[in-house]
Amino acid sequence: MDGFRLFPVEAAAGAVKVDTIYFALIGLATVIVLLVTALIVVFSIRYRRSATAERHRLPKWFSREIEIGWTVATLFVFLFIFWWAGAQNLSALTPPRNPLRIHVVAKQWMWKVEHANGVREIDELHVPAGRVVLIDMNSQDVIHSFYVPAFRIKRDVVPGRTEEIWFKPTVPGQYKLLCAEFCGTEHSHMTGQVVVMTPQGFARWSARAPNATDLVQGGALLFRAYGCSGCHNEGGTVRAPDLHGVFGSPVPLSDGRTITADARYIRDSILFPLQDVAAGYKPVMPSFRNRVSDDELAQLVAYIKSLADEAPHD
C-alpha cells in the first residue's frame, strides 16, 4: 500500500491476533505507568519536606495482606499474558493443510522466488488472496530476515537451514517485503513487494507468466543426473531407503531417535547425510554440499515431496 501510515494495514489473517496482543500489552503498560506516576505524585506531595505526615510508620490502611494480594495478582496477570501470547504464537507454527508452496532464496541483495509450476520472480512475490501460502526459505550467503509488515510476519533465514513461514493474505494490493537483518553494505536496498491478487487474477497471471522447468520435473531429472536413482530406486546397486511415501512420515534413526521427514530433514540428508542416518542402513551416502546449488536443492526437495503419496516399493 502506498502512502504514509502510522500503523501498517492488516492484510493477513494472523495480523489481527498480533495486533490484539500488541495493543493489549501497550494498554496494560499504560495503566501501570499511570498508576506509578499517580503514586509518585501523591507521595511526593504527602511526604514533601514541609509536610507533617508520619514517616516512621506504615499507614494504617496498609497491611501484609494487601502486599501479598497485589504480588499474587501481578503473578497471575503475568502468567495469563504468557499463556495467551504463547498459545497464539504456537498455533501459528503449524500451517493449515494443502497450502500453496513457494520457494524463496535470499541472497545479497535480492529475493529470488520460484513457484511450484516453475514461474520465477526477483524481488516480487505474487500470491492469491484467501489462500494459505507456505514459504520454504534458504539463504545463499549470510543471515537474512523475511519481513512483511502488513502480514505481521518475520522469519530469519539462516544459511544451511530450510526455514518455513506461512500466511493467509486477505486484502488484494501491494505490500512491502523487507530484509530485517543487516546483511551487508546494500542491506537497505534488499526490498521487494508481495502482490496479493484475487484468485482469478492470480490464475491469469500464473498462466501468462513464462514457465521454467516445473520444480518436480526438474528434481526428477536431477535425481537421475546425480545418480540418486541408482541407490534409492528399486533395484539400486546400494541398499538405501526407499523415498516413496517418506515425506511427512516418521523416520527411525540409527541412534534411536525418530524424526519427521519434513523439508528440513530432506535438505539436511542431501547436504549432511551422516547427521541423521536412517535405522538399518549404512552411512555410505556422499555429501552433496557445494555440489548442488540452492535452486537444484529446491527442485530435489520438491521431487521427493511429490513421492509422498506413492506407496513404498516392496
Protein backbone atom coordinates (compact mmCIF):
# COMPACT_ATOMS: atom_id res chain seq x y z
CA MET A 1 0.00 0.00 0.00
CA ASP A 2 1.35 3.42 -0.95
CA GLY A 3 1.30 6.43 1.33
CA PHE A 4 2.36 7.03 4.89
CA ARG A 5 0.55 5.11 7.60
CA LEU A 6 1.16 5.43 11.31
CA PHE A 7 0.35 1.73 11.66
CA PRO A 8 0.63 -0.90 8.88
CA VAL A 9 -2.58 -2.15 7.30
CA GLU A 10 -3.80 -5.59 8.43
CA ALA A 11 -3.59 -7.61 5.23
CA ALA A 12 -3.32 -11.19 6.51
CA ALA A 13 -5.47 -13.42 8.67
CA GLY A 14 -2.96 -13.59 11.54
CA ALA A 15 -2.34 -9.84 11.67
CA VAL A 16 -5.38 -9.22 13.86
CA LYS A 17 -4.11 -11.61 16.54
CA VAL A 18 -0.68 -9.99 16.58
CA ASP A 19 -2.18 -6.51 16.83
CA THR A 20 -4.54 -7.60 19.61
CA ILE A 21 -1.63 -8.83 21.72
CA TYR A 22 0.38 -5.72 20.91
CA PHE A 23 -2.36 -3.25 21.88
CA ALA A 24 -3.26 -5.28 24.98
CA LEU A 25 0.36 -5.08 26.19
CA ILE A 26 0.51 -1.36 25.36
CA GLY A 27 -2.74 -0.80 27.26
CA LEU A 28 -1.53 -2.74 30.30
CA ALA A 29 1.80 -0.90 30.26
CA THR A 30 -0.06 2.43 30.03
CA VAL A 31 -2.20 1.56 33.06
CA ILE A 32 0.89 0.60 35.06
CA VAL A 33 2.74 3.79 34.07
CA LEU A 34 -0.25 5.96 35.01
CA LEU A 35 -0.66 4.16 38.34
CA VAL A 36 3.03 4.50 39.22
CA THR A 37 3.04 8.14 38.11
CA ALA A 38 -0.03 8.89 40.24
CA LEU A 39 1.57 7.22 43.28
CA ILE A 40 4.78 9.20 42.78
CA VAL A 41 2.83 12.47 42.60
CA VAL A 42 0.70 11.63 45.66
CA PHE A 43 3.64 10.52 47.78
CA SER A 44 5.74 13.49 46.64
CA ILE A 45 3.05 15.85 47.88
CA ARG A 46 2.15 13.90 51.02
CA TYR A 47 5.72 13.35 52.17
CA ARG A 48 7.31 16.57 51.00
CA ARG A 49 9.85 18.17 53.32
CA SER A 50 7.40 20.65 54.83
CA ALA A 51 4.61 18.11 55.33
CA THR A 52 3.71 16.82 58.81
CA ALA A 53 2.82 13.28 57.66
CA GLU A 54 4.11 10.39 59.77
CA ARG A 55 7.24 8.95 58.17
CA HIS A 56 8.29 6.32 60.70
CA ARG A 57 5.28 4.02 60.46
CA LEU A 58 3.32 2.43 57.67
CA PRO A 59 -0.16 3.90 57.03
CA LYS A 60 -2.98 2.23 58.96
CA TRP A 61 -4.66 1.08 55.77
CA PHE A 62 -1.54 -0.79 54.67
CA SER A 63 -1.27 -4.45 55.70
CA ARG A 64 0.65 -7.56 54.82
CA GLU A 65 -2.48 -8.98 53.17
CA ILE A 66 -2.54 -6.06 50.73
CA GLU A 67 1.12 -6.62 49.84
CA ILE A 68 0.59 -10.36 49.33
CA GLY A 69 -2.57 -9.65 47.34
CA TRP A 70 -1.02 -7.32 44.78
CA THR A 71 2.04 -9.59 44.44
CA VAL A 72 -0.15 -12.64 43.69
CA ALA A 73 -2.36 -10.60 41.35
CA THR A 74 0.69 -9.43 39.42
CA LEU A 75 1.91 -13.02 39.13
CA PHE A 76 -1.43 -14.22 37.75
CA VAL A 77 -1.57 -11.35 35.25
CA PHE A 78 1.92 -12.27 34.03
CA LEU A 79 1.03 -15.97 33.73
CA PHE A 80 -2.15 -15.14 31.83
CA ILE A 81 -0.29 -12.90 29.36
CA PHE A 82 2.40 -15.57 28.90
CA TRP A 83 -0.20 -18.27 28.26
CA TRP A 84 -2.27 -16.09 25.93
CA ALA A 85 0.63 -14.85 23.79
CA GLY A 86 2.35 -18.26 23.81
CA ALA A 87 -0.82 -20.06 22.68
CA GLN A 88 -1.28 -17.59 19.82
CA ASN A 89 2.32 -17.94 18.66
CA LEU A 90 2.39 -21.73 18.94
CA SER A 91 -0.80 -22.07 16.91
CA ALA A 92 0.84 -20.00 14.16
CA LEU A 93 3.71 -22.51 13.80
CA THR A 94 1.58 -25.17 12.12
CA PRO A 95 0.13 -24.17 8.74
CA PRO A 96 -3.28 -25.41 7.59
CA ARG A 97 -3.35 -28.36 5.22
CA ASN A 98 -2.81 -28.10 1.46
CA PRO A 99 -1.05 -24.71 1.35
CA LEU A 100 0.34 -23.07 -1.76
CA ARG A 101 4.08 -23.79 -1.53
CA ILE A 102 6.59 -21.27 -2.83
CA HIS A 103 10.38 -21.43 -2.58
CA VAL A 104 12.36 -18.29 -1.75
CA VAL A 105 16.15 -17.91 -1.84
CA ALA A 106 17.65 -14.90 -0.08
CA LYS A 107 20.99 -13.62 -1.31
CA GLN A 108 22.92 -10.37 -1.25
CA TRP A 109 20.88 -8.40 -2.09
CA MET A 110 17.69 -9.78 -3.55
CA TRP A 111 14.81 -12.18 -3.02
CA LYS A 112 14.65 -14.99 -5.61
CA VAL A 113 11.18 -16.56 -5.80
CA GLU A 114 10.26 -19.81 -7.52
CA HIS A 115 6.69 -21.11 -7.72
CA ALA A 116 5.79 -24.78 -7.87
CA ASN A 117 4.98 -24.54 -11.60
CA GLY A 118 8.42 -23.11 -12.35
CA VAL A 119 7.50 -19.43 -12.56
CA ARG A 120 10.35 -17.32 -11.19
CA GLU A 121 10.44 -13.77 -9.85
CA ILE A 122 13.05 -11.38 -8.47
CA ASP A 123 12.05 -9.12 -5.55
CA GLU A 124 8.36 -9.81 -6.20
CA LEU A 125 6.03 -12.43 -4.83
CA HIS A 126 2.60 -12.90 -6.39
CA VAL A 127 0.05 -14.76 -4.25
CA PRO A 128 -3.74 -15.22 -4.31
CA ALA A 129 -5.96 -13.71 -1.61
CA GLY A 130 -7.75 -16.15 0.66
CA ARG A 131 -5.23 -18.97 0.10
CA VAL A 132 -2.74 -20.20 2.68
CA VAL A 133 0.79 -19.65 1.37
CA LEU A 134 3.73 -21.62 2.78
CA ILE A 135 7.20 -20.22 2.05
CA ASP A 136 10.24 -22.54 2.09
CA MET A 137 13.26 -20.28 2.52
CA ASN A 138 17.00 -20.71 2.16
CA SER A 139 19.90 -18.28 2.31
CA GLN A 140 22.67 -18.40 -0.26
CA ASP A 141 25.22 -16.42 1.77
CA VAL A 142 24.50 -14.70 5.12
CA ILE A 143 21.61 -14.35 7.57
CA HIS A 144 18.62 -12.51 6.11
CA SER A 145 15.15 -11.95 7.53
CA PHE A 146 11.90 -12.24 5.55
CA TYR A 147 9.66 -9.43 6.84
CA VAL A 148 6.26 -8.29 5.58
CA PRO A 149 4.88 -5.65 7.99
CA ALA A 150 1.34 -5.77 6.58
CA PHE A 151 1.15 -9.52 7.31
CA ARG A 152 2.89 -9.21 10.72
CA ILE A 153 5.32 -11.98 9.78
CA LYS A 154 9.09 -12.11 10.13
CA ARG A 155 11.47 -15.06 9.99
CA ASP A 156 15.26 -15.21 9.94
CA VAL A 157 16.75 -17.12 7.01
CA VAL A 158 19.92 -18.85 8.16
CA PRO A 159 22.50 -20.34 5.74
CA GLY A 160 22.46 -24.14 5.70
CA ARG A 161 18.90 -24.39 7.03
CA THR A 162 15.44 -24.51 5.50
CA GLU A 163 13.07 -22.12 7.23
CA GLU A 164 9.31 -22.11 6.82
CA ILE A 165 6.77 -19.36 7.31
CA TRP A 166 3.13 -19.20 6.29
CA PHE A 167 0.45 -16.57 5.93
CA LYS A 168 -3.04 -16.15 4.53
CA PRO A 169 -3.38 -12.82 2.68
CA THR A 170 -6.85 -11.33 2.82
CA VAL A 171 -6.71 -7.93 1.11
CA PRO A 172 -5.56 -7.59 -2.53
CA GLY A 173 -2.85 -4.98 -3.00
CA GLN A 174 0.92 -4.46 -3.00
CA TYR A 175 2.83 -4.75 0.27
CA LYS A 176 6.45 -4.11 1.20
CA LEU A 177 8.83 -7.07 1.52
CA LEU A 178 11.90 -6.17 3.60
CA CYS A 179 15.04 -7.77 4.98
CA ALA A 180 15.01 -7.15 8.73
CA GLU A 181 18.54 -8.44 9.40
CA PHE A 182 21.64 -6.43 8.48
CA CYS A 183 23.17 -8.43 5.65
CA GLY A 184 25.85 -6.19 4.17
CA THR A 185 26.53 -2.83 2.58
CA GLU A 186 23.44 -2.94 0.34
CA HIS A 187 21.10 -4.16 3.09
CA SER A 188 18.82 -1.13 2.78
CA HIS A 189 18.24 -1.93 -0.89
CA MET A 190 17.15 -5.52 -0.25
CA THR A 191 13.48 -4.77 -0.68
CA GLY A 192 10.64 -6.15 -2.73
CA GLN A 193 6.90 -6.40 -2.76
CA VAL A 194 4.23 -9.01 -2.19
CA VAL A 195 1.45 -8.66 -4.73
CA VAL A 196 -1.81 -10.08 -3.40
CA MET A 197 -4.26 -10.77 -6.22
CA THR A 198 -7.78 -12.13 -6.47
CA PRO A 199 -7.82 -15.89 -7.11
CA GLN A 200 -8.99 -15.28 -10.68
CA GLY A 201 -6.33 -12.62 -11.25
CA PHE A 202 -3.61 -14.88 -9.84
CA ALA A 203 -4.71 -17.73 -12.12
CA ARG A 204 -4.49 -15.43 -15.16
CA TRP A 205 -1.09 -14.07 -14.06
CA SER A 206 0.27 -17.58 -13.47
CA ALA A 207 -0.94 -18.72 -16.89
CA ARG A 208 0.66 -15.74 -18.65
CA ALA A 209 3.97 -15.88 -16.75
CA PRO A 210 6.82 -17.60 -18.59
CA ASN A 211 7.26 -21.03 -17.03
CA ALA A 212 10.65 -22.55 -16.47
CA THR A 213 11.02 -26.26 -15.81
CA ASP A 214 8.50 -27.46 -13.24
CA LEU A 215 10.19 -27.93 -9.84
CA VAL A 216 9.15 -31.57 -9.61
CA GLN A 217 10.15 -32.33 -13.21
CA GLY A 218 13.50 -30.60 -12.70
CA GLY A 219 14.02 -32.51 -9.47
CA ALA A 220 13.31 -35.82 -11.21
CA LEU A 221 15.94 -35.02 -13.84
CA LEU A 222 18.49 -34.04 -11.19
CA PHE A 223 17.65 -37.16 -9.16
CA ARG A 224 18.82 -39.27 -12.09
CA ALA A 225 21.65 -36.95 -13.18
CA TYR A 226 23.32 -37.04 -9.74
CA GLY A 227 22.95 -40.82 -9.53
CA CYS A 228 20.42 -40.80 -6.66
CA SER A 229 18.13 -43.19 -8.54
CA GLY A 230 20.91 -45.80 -8.64
CA CYS A 231 20.63 -46.24 -4.85
CA HIS A 232 17.16 -45.09 -3.82
CA ASN A 233 15.09 -46.63 -6.60
CA GLU A 234 14.01 -50.25 -6.72
CA GLY A 235 16.85 -52.50 -7.82
CA GLY A 236 19.54 -49.98 -6.86
CA THR A 237 23.16 -51.05 -6.59
CA VAL A 238 23.39 -49.85 -2.97
CA ARG A 239 20.86 -50.58 -0.24
CA ALA A 240 19.35 -47.18 0.55
CA PRO A 241 15.97 -46.01 1.94
CA ASP A 242 13.03 -46.05 -0.45
CA LEU A 243 11.87 -42.44 -0.77
CA HIS A 244 8.33 -43.23 -1.92
CA GLY A 245 5.92 -42.13 0.79
CA VAL A 246 8.71 -40.96 3.10
CA PHE A 247 7.88 -37.22 3.16
CA GLY A 248 5.80 -36.35 6.23
CA SER A 249 6.35 -39.78 7.79
CA PRO A 250 8.29 -40.66 10.95
CA VAL A 251 11.79 -41.97 10.24
CA PRO A 252 13.59 -44.09 12.89
CA LEU A 253 17.27 -43.16 13.10
CA SER A 254 20.29 -45.30 13.87
CA ASP A 255 20.88 -43.50 17.18
CA GLY A 256 17.42 -44.43 18.48
CA ARG A 257 15.70 -41.13 17.73
CA THR A 258 12.68 -40.74 15.48
CA ILE A 259 12.38 -37.69 13.24
CA THR A 260 9.68 -36.47 10.88
CA ALA A 261 10.76 -36.35 7.25
CA ASP A 262 9.96 -32.71 6.54
CA ALA A 263 11.62 -30.33 4.07
CA ARG A 264 14.41 -29.56 6.54
CA TYR A 265 15.21 -33.23 7.08
CA ILE A 266 15.34 -33.91 3.34
CA ARG A 267 17.60 -30.93 2.75
CA ASP A 268 19.92 -31.92 5.61
CA SER A 269 20.02 -35.50 4.35
CA ILE A 270 21.29 -34.25 0.99
CA LEU A 271 23.85 -31.83 2.40
CA PHE A 272 24.81 -33.61 5.65
CA PRO A 273 23.92 -37.30 5.14
CA LEU A 274 25.88 -38.52 8.19
CA GLN A 275 23.93 -36.27 10.55
CA ASP A 276 20.71 -38.33 10.73
CA VAL A 277 21.25 -41.84 9.36
CA ALA A 278 18.11 -43.94 8.94
CA ALA A 279 17.98 -47.06 11.10
CA GLY A 280 19.02 -50.23 9.33
CA TYR A 281 21.18 -48.51 6.71
CA LYS A 282 24.92 -47.94 6.48
CA PRO A 283 26.24 -44.33 6.46
CA VAL A 284 27.52 -44.55 2.88
CA MET A 285 25.70 -41.67 1.20
CA PRO A 286 28.10 -38.94 0.00
CA SER A 287 27.51 -35.30 0.83
CA PHE A 288 26.23 -33.04 -1.95
CA ARG A 289 27.22 -29.89 -0.13
CA ASN A 290 28.89 -27.44 -2.54
CA ARG A 291 27.84 -29.74 -5.39
CA VAL A 292 24.22 -28.68 -5.79
CA SER A 293 23.00 -25.09 -5.97
CA ASP A 294 20.11 -23.77 -3.89
CA ASP A 295 17.86 -23.90 -6.96
CA GLU A 296 18.80 -27.52 -7.61
CA LEU A 297 18.31 -28.35 -3.96
CA ALA A 298 14.81 -26.86 -4.05
CA GLN A 299 14.00 -29.00 -7.09
CA LEU A 300 15.29 -32.17 -5.44
CA VAL A 301 13.27 -31.48 -2.29
CA ALA A 302 10.15 -30.79 -4.38
CA TYR A 303 10.61 -34.08 -6.24
CA ILE A 304 10.98 -36.11 -3.05
CA LYS A 305 7.89 -34.36 -1.65
CA SER A 306 5.98 -35.41 -4.75
CA LEU A 307 6.67 -39.06 -3.86
CA ALA A 308 4.78 -38.67 -0.56
CA ASP A 309 1.52 -40.09 -1.93
CA GLU A 310 3.20 -43.10 -3.51
CA ALA A 311 3.44 -46.29 -1.51
CA PRO A 312 6.92 -47.67 -0.78
CA HIS A 313 8.08 -50.38 -3.17
CA ASP A 314 8.31 -53.89 -1.83
